[in-house]
Amino acid sequence: MLDIGKIKARREEMRFTQTAIAKKIGISPSHYSEVERGTAGVSIQTLDALLKVLDLSIHDVWVDERE
């Protein structure tokens, strides 16, 4: 499961707005806002683009629910 809080924290650390990130990864600002609120998901391609923009790996944001 994705830790959306880590994604949001990294975006804020890099001083990107939600609108700027959305534009960089090719989705609407409203959809990106929903992603950060946890009310919408993202495709693998969009997640890959997001992680690249934020200079993160999947290991940085993945939480193993079994732990």
Protein backbone atom coordinates (compact mmCIF):
# COMPACT_ATOMS: atom_id res chain seq x y z
CA MET A 1 0.00 0.00 0.00
CA LEU A 2 1.22 3.49 -0.82
CA ASP A 3 2.05 5.90 1.98
CA ILE A 4 0.47 9.01 0.48
CA GLY A 5 1.73 11.07 3.42
CA LYS A 6 5.32 10.49 2.29
CA ILE A 7 4.46 11.58 -1.24
CA LYS A 8 2.78 14.76 0.02
CA ALA A 9 5.66 15.51 2.40
CA ARG A 10 8.19 15.13 -0.41
CA ARG A 11 6.14 17.38 -2.70
CA GLU A 12 6.01 20.05 -0.02
CA GLU A 13 9.72 19.62 0.76
CA MET A 14 10.47 20.24 -2.93
CA ARG A 15 8.09 23.26 -2.84
CA PHE A 16 5.86 21.99 -5.62
CA THR A 17 2.19 22.87 -5.66
CA GLN A 18 -0.36 20.17 -6.41
CA THR A 19 -1.06 21.94 -9.70
CA ALA A 20 2.62 21.92 -10.70
CA ILE A 21 2.98 18.21 -9.94
CA ALA A 22 -0.24 17.39 -11.79
CA LYS A 23 1.00 19.25 -14.86
CA LYS A 24 4.37 17.47 -14.76
CA ILE A 25 2.80 14.01 -14.58
CA GLY A 26 -0.06 14.64 -17.01
CA ILE A 27 -3.14 14.52 -14.80
CA SER A 28 -5.61 17.18 -13.74
CA PRO A 29 -4.98 19.13 -10.55
CA SER A 30 -8.30 17.93 -9.15
CA HIS A 31 -7.35 14.28 -9.74
CA TYR A 32 -3.95 14.84 -8.10
CA SER A 33 -5.70 16.42 -5.11
CA GLU A 34 -7.90 13.33 -4.82
CA VAL A 35 -4.82 11.11 -4.96
CA GLU A 36 -3.23 12.98 -2.04
CA ARG A 37 -6.46 12.75 -0.07
CA GLY A 38 -6.60 9.02 -0.73
CA THR A 39 -9.93 9.19 -2.55
CA ALA A 40 -8.52 8.26 -5.97
CA GLY A 41 -5.88 5.91 -7.22
CA VAL A 42 -3.27 6.27 -9.93
CA SER A 43 -2.14 4.06 -12.76
CA ILE A 44 1.27 2.42 -12.67
CA GLN A 45 2.43 4.83 -15.39
CA THR A 46 1.26 7.88 -13.43
CA LEU A 47 2.81 6.57 -10.22
CA ASP A 48 6.10 6.01 -12.06
CA ALA A 49 6.03 9.58 -13.39
CA LEU A 50 5.19 10.95 -9.94
CA LEU A 51 8.02 9.08 -8.26
CA LYS A 52 10.49 10.30 -10.89
CA VAL A 53 9.44 13.93 -10.45
CA LEU A 54 9.75 13.60 -6.67
CA ASP A 55 13.01 11.63 -6.92
CA LEU A 56 11.57 8.75 -4.89
CA SER A 57 11.55 5.00 -5.36
CA ILE A 58 8.64 2.68 -4.76
CA HIS A 59 10.53 1.44 -1.70
CA ASP A 60 10.40 4.95 -0.23
CA VAL A 61 6.61 5.09 -0.32
CA TRP A 62 5.43 1.48 -0.03
CA VAL A 63 4.10 0.21 3.29
CA ASP A 64 3.81 -3.55 3.81
CA GLU A 65 0.47 -4.06 5.51
CA ARG A 66 1.64 -7.42 6.87
CA GLU A 67 4.11 -5.74 9.21
